[in-house]
């Protein structure tokens, strides 16, 4: 199986030893995104802005892979405070349409750079 790295300047560059996304066959695995502004590489302020930035970053990587968040079959959300779960649901309603992807939400002690939220996704290209 061939693996293809997906990269775009429209999302934050990797801050470690990983790719923004990797395509393997008809599946694209999007790495976790935190609320970094891709232009400044600085974390945006506040939970609402971070949630929106996370989904914008995921959407940018999905677009670079030739898809969109509509191709997501699985999303994992990591929150430092599960009290923000309802805000994530509200944002997902703006960024995803039915049928919604499968999802897990995980409470974590901390995230890179002091982020409050992170999300990753798995996309499937129905034409491959």
N, C-alpha and C. Protein backbone atom coordinates (compact mmCIF):
# COMPACT_ATOMS: atom_id res chain seq x y z
N UNK A 1 0.85 -1.17 0.00
CA UNK A 1 0.00 0.00 0.00
C UNK A 1 0.89 1.23 0.00
N UNK A 2 0.49 2.20 -0.80
CA UNK A 2 1.21 3.46 -0.88
C UNK A 2 0.63 4.44 0.12
N UNK A 3 1.50 5.15 0.82
CA UNK A 3 1.09 6.22 1.72
C UNK A 3 1.50 7.54 1.09
N UNK A 4 0.59 8.50 1.09
CA UNK A 4 0.87 9.82 0.55
C UNK A 4 0.66 10.86 1.63
N UNK A 5 1.65 11.71 1.82
CA UNK A 5 1.56 12.77 2.81
C UNK A 5 0.73 13.92 2.23
N UNK A 6 -0.17 14.45 3.05
CA UNK A 6 -0.99 15.60 2.69
C UNK A 6 -0.50 16.79 3.51
N UNK A 7 -0.29 17.92 2.85
CA UNK A 7 0.20 19.11 3.55
C UNK A 7 -0.38 20.35 2.91
N UNK A 8 -0.66 21.35 3.75
CA UNK A 8 -1.17 22.62 3.24
C UNK A 8 -0.71 23.76 4.14
N UNK A 9 -0.38 24.90 3.56
CA UNK A 9 -0.06 26.07 4.38
C UNK A 9 -1.31 26.71 4.99
N UNK A 10 -2.51 26.25 4.59
CA UNK A 10 -3.76 26.79 5.12
C UNK A 10 -4.08 26.25 6.51
N UNK A 11 -3.25 25.32 7.00
CA UNK A 11 -3.38 24.79 8.36
C UNK A 11 -2.00 24.88 9.01
N UNK A 12 -1.95 24.86 10.33
CA UNK A 12 -0.65 24.97 11.00
C UNK A 12 0.30 23.85 10.57
N UNK A 13 1.56 24.22 10.40
CA UNK A 13 2.56 23.20 10.07
C UNK A 13 2.75 22.29 11.27
N UNK A 14 3.20 21.08 11.01
CA UNK A 14 3.42 20.11 12.08
C UNK A 14 4.42 20.67 13.09
N UNK A 15 4.13 20.48 14.38
CA UNK A 15 5.04 20.95 15.42
C UNK A 15 5.77 19.76 16.06
N UNK A 16 5.89 18.70 15.29
CA UNK A 16 6.58 17.50 15.76
C UNK A 16 6.83 16.56 14.62
N UNK A 17 7.09 15.33 14.94
CA UNK A 17 7.43 14.31 13.94
C UNK A 17 6.16 13.62 13.44
N UNK A 18 5.36 14.36 12.71
CA UNK A 18 4.13 13.83 12.13
C UNK A 18 3.77 14.65 10.90
N UNK A 19 2.84 14.13 10.12
CA UNK A 19 2.32 14.82 8.93
C UNK A 19 0.95 15.40 9.27
N UNK A 20 0.54 16.44 8.56
CA UNK A 20 -0.80 16.98 8.77
C UNK A 20 -1.85 15.91 8.48
N UNK A 21 -1.58 15.09 7.47
CA UNK A 21 -2.48 13.98 7.14
C UNK A 21 -1.72 12.99 6.26
N UNK A 22 -2.22 11.76 6.24
CA UNK A 22 -1.65 10.72 5.39
C UNK A 22 -2.79 9.99 4.71
N UNK A 23 -2.67 9.85 3.38
CA UNK A 23 -3.65 9.05 2.62
C UNK A 23 -3.08 7.65 2.46
N UNK A 24 -3.91 6.66 2.76
CA UNK A 24 -3.58 5.25 2.54
C UNK A 24 -4.78 4.65 1.83
N UNK A 25 -4.64 4.37 0.54
CA UNK A 25 -5.77 3.90 -0.24
C UNK A 25 -6.81 5.00 -0.31
N UNK A 26 -8.05 4.67 -0.03
CA UNK A 26 -9.14 5.64 -0.06
C UNK A 26 -9.43 6.28 1.28
N UNK A 27 -8.51 6.13 2.23
CA UNK A 27 -8.71 6.68 3.56
C UNK A 27 -7.66 7.75 3.84
N UNK A 28 -8.10 8.85 4.44
CA UNK A 28 -7.18 9.93 4.82
C UNK A 28 -7.27 10.09 6.34
N UNK A 29 -6.11 10.02 6.98
CA UNK A 29 -6.01 10.15 8.43
C UNK A 29 -5.48 11.54 8.74
N UNK A 30 -6.32 12.38 9.34
CA UNK A 30 -5.94 13.75 9.69
C UNK A 30 -5.39 13.76 11.10
N UNK A 31 -4.20 14.32 11.25
CA UNK A 31 -3.59 14.46 12.58
C UNK A 31 -4.41 15.43 13.41
N UNK A 32 -4.20 15.34 14.72
CA UNK A 32 -4.88 16.24 15.64
C UNK A 32 -4.52 17.69 15.35
N UNK A 33 -5.53 18.54 15.44
CA UNK A 33 -5.35 19.98 15.26
C UNK A 33 -5.75 20.67 16.55
N UNK A 34 -4.93 21.61 16.98
CA UNK A 34 -5.29 22.49 18.08
C UNK A 34 -5.60 23.86 17.48
N UNK A 35 -5.96 24.80 18.31
CA UNK A 35 -6.41 26.10 17.82
C UNK A 35 -5.30 27.05 17.44
N UNK A 36 -4.34 26.57 16.67
CA UNK A 36 -3.26 27.43 16.19
C UNK A 36 -3.70 28.16 14.93
N UNK A 37 -3.43 29.46 14.88
CA UNK A 37 -3.63 30.22 13.66
C UNK A 37 -2.50 29.85 12.71
N UNK A 38 -2.80 29.38 11.49
CA UNK A 38 -1.72 28.93 10.61
C UNK A 38 -0.77 30.05 10.17
N UNK A 39 -1.23 31.28 10.16
CA UNK A 39 -0.37 32.39 9.73
C UNK A 39 0.66 32.75 10.81
N UNK A 40 0.21 32.78 12.06
CA UNK A 40 1.10 33.21 13.15
C UNK A 40 1.67 32.05 13.95
N UNK A 41 1.06 30.87 13.82
CA UNK A 41 1.41 29.69 14.63
C UNK A 41 1.22 29.97 16.12
N UNK A 42 0.33 30.90 16.43
CA UNK A 42 -0.01 31.20 17.82
C UNK A 42 -1.40 30.66 18.12
N UNK A 43 -1.60 30.24 19.37
CA UNK A 43 -2.88 29.72 19.82
C UNK A 43 -3.88 30.87 19.91
N UNK A 44 -5.07 30.70 19.33
CA UNK A 44 -6.10 31.72 19.44
C UNK A 44 -6.64 31.71 20.87
N UNK A 45 -7.24 32.81 21.29
CA UNK A 45 -7.67 32.99 22.68
C UNK A 45 -9.08 32.46 22.92
N UNK A 46 -9.25 31.70 23.99
CA UNK A 46 -10.56 31.29 24.46
C UNK A 46 -11.07 30.01 23.82
N UNK A 47 -11.95 29.35 24.54
CA UNK A 47 -12.45 28.05 24.09
C UNK A 47 -13.26 28.16 22.80
N UNK A 48 -14.11 29.17 22.68
CA UNK A 48 -14.94 29.29 21.47
C UNK A 48 -14.07 29.48 20.23
N UNK A 49 -13.10 30.37 20.31
CA UNK A 49 -12.20 30.62 19.17
C UNK A 49 -11.35 29.38 18.87
N UNK A 50 -10.92 28.68 19.91
CA UNK A 50 -10.11 27.49 19.68
C UNK A 50 -10.92 26.39 19.00
N UNK A 51 -12.16 26.19 19.43
CA UNK A 51 -13.00 25.17 18.79
C UNK A 51 -13.18 25.49 17.31
N UNK A 52 -13.50 26.75 17.00
CA UNK A 52 -13.70 27.13 15.59
C UNK A 52 -12.42 26.96 14.79
N UNK A 53 -11.29 27.34 15.37
CA UNK A 53 -10.01 27.22 14.66
C UNK A 53 -9.65 25.77 14.42
N UNK A 54 -9.93 24.90 15.39
CA UNK A 54 -9.66 23.46 15.23
C UNK A 54 -10.40 22.92 14.01
N UNK A 55 -11.70 23.24 13.90
CA UNK A 55 -12.47 22.72 12.77
C UNK A 55 -12.07 23.39 11.46
N UNK A 56 -11.69 24.65 11.49
CA UNK A 56 -11.19 25.31 10.28
C UNK A 56 -9.88 24.66 9.83
N UNK A 57 -9.01 24.34 10.77
CA UNK A 57 -7.75 23.68 10.43
C UNK A 57 -8.00 22.29 9.84
N UNK A 58 -8.90 21.53 10.47
CA UNK A 58 -9.22 20.20 9.93
C UNK A 58 -9.81 20.33 8.53
N UNK A 59 -10.69 21.30 8.32
CA UNK A 59 -11.30 21.50 7.00
C UNK A 59 -10.24 21.85 5.96
N UNK A 60 -9.25 22.65 6.33
CA UNK A 60 -8.18 23.01 5.39
C UNK A 60 -7.36 21.79 4.99
N UNK A 61 -7.06 20.93 5.94
CA UNK A 61 -6.31 19.72 5.61
C UNK A 61 -7.16 18.78 4.77
N UNK A 62 -8.44 18.66 5.11
CA UNK A 62 -9.34 17.83 4.30
C UNK A 62 -9.39 18.33 2.86
N UNK A 63 -9.46 19.65 2.69
CA UNK A 63 -9.49 20.23 1.34
C UNK A 63 -8.19 19.93 0.60
N UNK A 64 -7.06 20.00 1.29
CA UNK A 64 -5.77 19.68 0.66
C UNK A 64 -5.72 18.23 0.21
N UNK A 65 -6.51 17.38 0.86
CA UNK A 65 -6.58 15.97 0.49
C UNK A 65 -7.59 15.74 -0.63
N UNK A 66 -8.25 16.82 -1.08
CA UNK A 66 -9.25 16.69 -2.14
C UNK A 66 -10.63 16.37 -1.62
N UNK A 67 -10.86 16.57 -0.32
CA UNK A 67 -12.15 16.26 0.27
C UNK A 67 -12.66 17.41 1.11
N UNK A 68 -13.51 17.05 2.05
CA UNK A 68 -14.08 18.03 2.97
C UNK A 68 -14.46 17.31 4.25
N UNK A 69 -14.92 18.06 5.23
CA UNK A 69 -15.37 17.44 6.47
C UNK A 69 -16.59 16.54 6.24
N UNK A 70 -17.28 16.71 5.11
CA UNK A 70 -18.40 15.83 4.78
C UNK A 70 -17.93 14.40 4.54
N UNK A 71 -16.64 14.21 4.29
CA UNK A 71 -16.07 12.88 4.07
C UNK A 71 -15.63 12.22 5.38
N UNK A 72 -15.78 12.91 6.50
CA UNK A 72 -15.34 12.36 7.79
C UNK A 72 -16.24 11.21 8.22
N UNK A 73 -15.60 10.12 8.61
CA UNK A 73 -16.34 8.98 9.15
C UNK A 73 -16.06 8.81 10.65
N UNK A 74 -15.02 9.47 11.14
CA UNK A 74 -14.64 9.36 12.55
C UNK A 74 -13.95 10.65 12.98
N UNK A 75 -14.34 11.17 14.13
CA UNK A 75 -13.73 12.35 14.73
C UNK A 75 -13.48 12.03 16.20
N UNK A 76 -12.32 12.42 16.68
CA UNK A 76 -12.04 12.31 18.11
C UNK A 76 -11.75 13.71 18.64
N UNK A 77 -12.42 14.05 19.72
CA UNK A 77 -12.28 15.35 20.37
C UNK A 77 -11.57 15.14 21.70
N UNK A 78 -10.59 15.98 21.97
CA UNK A 78 -9.87 15.94 23.25
C UNK A 78 -10.10 17.28 23.93
N UNK A 79 -10.61 17.24 25.15
CA UNK A 79 -10.91 18.47 25.89
C UNK A 79 -10.23 18.45 27.25
N UNK A 80 -9.65 19.58 27.64
CA UNK A 80 -9.08 19.67 28.98
C UNK A 80 -10.16 19.89 30.03
N UNK A 81 -11.36 20.26 29.59
CA UNK A 81 -12.50 20.44 30.49
C UNK A 81 -13.75 19.96 29.76
N UNK A 82 -14.30 18.84 30.20
CA UNK A 82 -15.48 18.28 29.52
C UNK A 82 -16.72 19.16 29.67
N UNK A 83 -16.65 20.19 30.50
CA UNK A 83 -17.76 21.14 30.59
C UNK A 83 -17.96 21.87 29.26
N UNK A 84 -16.95 21.85 28.38
CA UNK A 84 -17.04 22.50 27.07
C UNK A 84 -17.63 21.59 26.00
N UNK A 85 -18.07 20.41 26.38
CA UNK A 85 -18.60 19.43 25.43
C UNK A 85 -19.78 20.00 24.63
N UNK A 86 -20.67 20.73 25.27
CA UNK A 86 -21.83 21.30 24.57
C UNK A 86 -21.39 22.30 23.50
N UNK A 87 -20.34 23.05 23.77
CA UNK A 87 -19.82 24.00 22.77
C UNK A 87 -19.28 23.26 21.55
N UNK A 88 -18.64 22.12 21.79
CA UNK A 88 -18.15 21.30 20.68
C UNK A 88 -19.32 20.78 19.85
N UNK A 89 -20.38 20.34 20.52
CA UNK A 89 -21.57 19.88 19.79
C UNK A 89 -22.14 20.99 18.91
N UNK A 90 -22.21 22.20 19.45
CA UNK A 90 -22.72 23.33 18.67
C UNK A 90 -21.85 23.60 17.45
N UNK A 91 -20.54 23.54 17.63
CA UNK A 91 -19.62 23.77 16.51
C UNK A 91 -19.73 22.66 15.49
N UNK A 92 -19.85 21.43 15.96
CA UNK A 92 -19.97 20.32 15.01
C UNK A 92 -21.24 20.45 14.17
N UNK A 93 -22.31 20.97 14.76
CA UNK A 93 -23.55 21.17 14.01
C UNK A 93 -23.35 22.20 12.89
N UNK A 94 -22.41 23.12 13.07
CA UNK A 94 -22.11 24.12 12.04
C UNK A 94 -21.17 23.57 10.97
N UNK A 95 -20.30 22.63 11.33
CA UNK A 95 -19.26 22.17 10.41
C UNK A 95 -19.54 20.82 9.76
N UNK A 96 -20.50 20.08 10.28
CA UNK A 96 -20.81 18.75 9.74
C UNK A 96 -22.31 18.66 9.45
N UNK A 97 -22.66 17.81 8.51
CA UNK A 97 -24.06 17.56 8.18
C UNK A 97 -24.34 16.07 8.36
N UNK A 98 -25.61 15.73 8.50
CA UNK A 98 -26.00 14.32 8.61
C UNK A 98 -25.71 13.61 7.29
N UNK A 99 -25.30 12.38 7.31
CA UNK A 99 -25.07 11.59 8.52
C UNK A 99 -23.76 12.03 9.18
N UNK A 100 -23.83 12.31 10.48
CA UNK A 100 -22.65 12.76 11.22
C UNK A 100 -21.63 11.65 11.33
N UNK A 101 -20.35 12.01 11.46
CA UNK A 101 -19.33 10.98 11.65
C UNK A 101 -19.45 10.34 13.04
N UNK A 102 -18.90 9.15 13.17
CA UNK A 102 -18.75 8.57 14.51
C UNK A 102 -17.82 9.49 15.29
N UNK A 103 -17.97 9.51 16.62
CA UNK A 103 -17.17 10.45 17.40
C UNK A 103 -16.91 9.91 18.79
N UNK A 104 -15.76 10.27 19.30
CA UNK A 104 -15.45 10.05 20.71
C UNK A 104 -15.00 11.39 21.28
N UNK A 105 -15.32 11.64 22.53
CA UNK A 105 -14.84 12.82 23.23
C UNK A 105 -14.10 12.33 24.47
N UNK A 106 -12.90 12.83 24.64
CA UNK A 106 -12.03 12.35 25.70
C UNK A 106 -11.57 13.53 26.56
N UNK A 107 -11.70 13.39 27.86
CA UNK A 107 -11.17 14.38 28.78
C UNK A 107 -9.69 14.09 29.01
N UNK A 108 -8.86 15.11 28.87
CA UNK A 108 -7.42 14.94 29.02
C UNK A 108 -6.88 15.97 30.03
N UNK A 109 -5.75 15.66 30.62
CA UNK A 109 -5.14 16.56 31.61
C UNK A 109 -4.55 17.80 30.96
N UNK A 110 -3.94 17.63 29.79
CA UNK A 110 -3.35 18.78 29.10
C UNK A 110 -3.18 18.46 27.63
N UNK A 111 -2.98 19.51 26.85
CA UNK A 111 -2.76 19.40 25.40
C UNK A 111 -1.55 20.25 25.03
N UNK A 112 -0.96 20.01 23.85
CA UNK A 112 0.20 20.79 23.43
C UNK A 112 -0.07 22.30 23.47
N UNK A 113 0.94 23.04 23.87
CA UNK A 113 0.92 24.50 23.89
C UNK A 113 -0.17 25.09 24.78
N UNK A 114 -0.70 24.29 25.69
CA UNK A 114 -1.74 24.78 26.59
C UNK A 114 -3.11 24.89 25.94
N UNK A 115 -3.30 24.22 24.81
CA UNK A 115 -4.59 24.26 24.11
C UNK A 115 -5.69 23.69 25.01
N UNK A 116 -6.91 24.14 24.76
CA UNK A 116 -8.08 23.67 25.50
C UNK A 116 -8.81 22.54 24.79
N UNK A 117 -8.59 22.43 23.48
CA UNK A 117 -9.29 21.43 22.66
C UNK A 117 -8.39 21.00 21.51
N UNK A 118 -8.54 19.75 21.13
CA UNK A 118 -7.87 19.20 19.95
C UNK A 118 -8.84 18.22 19.30
N UNK A 119 -8.73 18.08 17.99
CA UNK A 119 -9.56 17.11 17.29
C UNK A 119 -8.77 16.52 16.14
N UNK A 120 -9.03 15.25 15.86
CA UNK A 120 -8.49 14.60 14.67
C UNK A 120 -9.65 13.95 13.93
N UNK A 121 -9.39 13.46 12.74
CA UNK A 121 -10.47 12.88 11.94
C UNK A 121 -9.93 11.84 10.97
N UNK A 122 -10.83 10.98 10.55
CA UNK A 122 -10.57 10.01 9.50
C UNK A 122 -11.58 10.28 8.39
N UNK A 123 -11.08 10.46 7.17
CA UNK A 123 -11.93 10.70 6.01
C UNK A 123 -11.89 9.48 5.10
N UNK A 124 -12.99 9.22 4.42
CA UNK A 124 -13.01 8.16 3.42
C UNK A 124 -13.46 8.77 2.10
N UNK A 125 -12.66 8.52 1.07
CA UNK A 125 -12.98 8.97 -0.27
C UNK A 125 -13.84 7.90 -0.93
N UNK A 126 -15.10 8.18 -1.10
CA UNK A 126 -16.03 7.20 -1.65
C UNK A 126 -15.75 6.81 -3.09
N UNK A 127 -14.88 7.58 -3.78
CA UNK A 127 -14.61 7.27 -5.19
C UNK A 127 -13.38 6.41 -5.38
N UNK A 128 -12.70 6.06 -4.31
CA UNK A 128 -11.49 5.22 -4.44
C UNK A 128 -11.82 3.81 -4.09
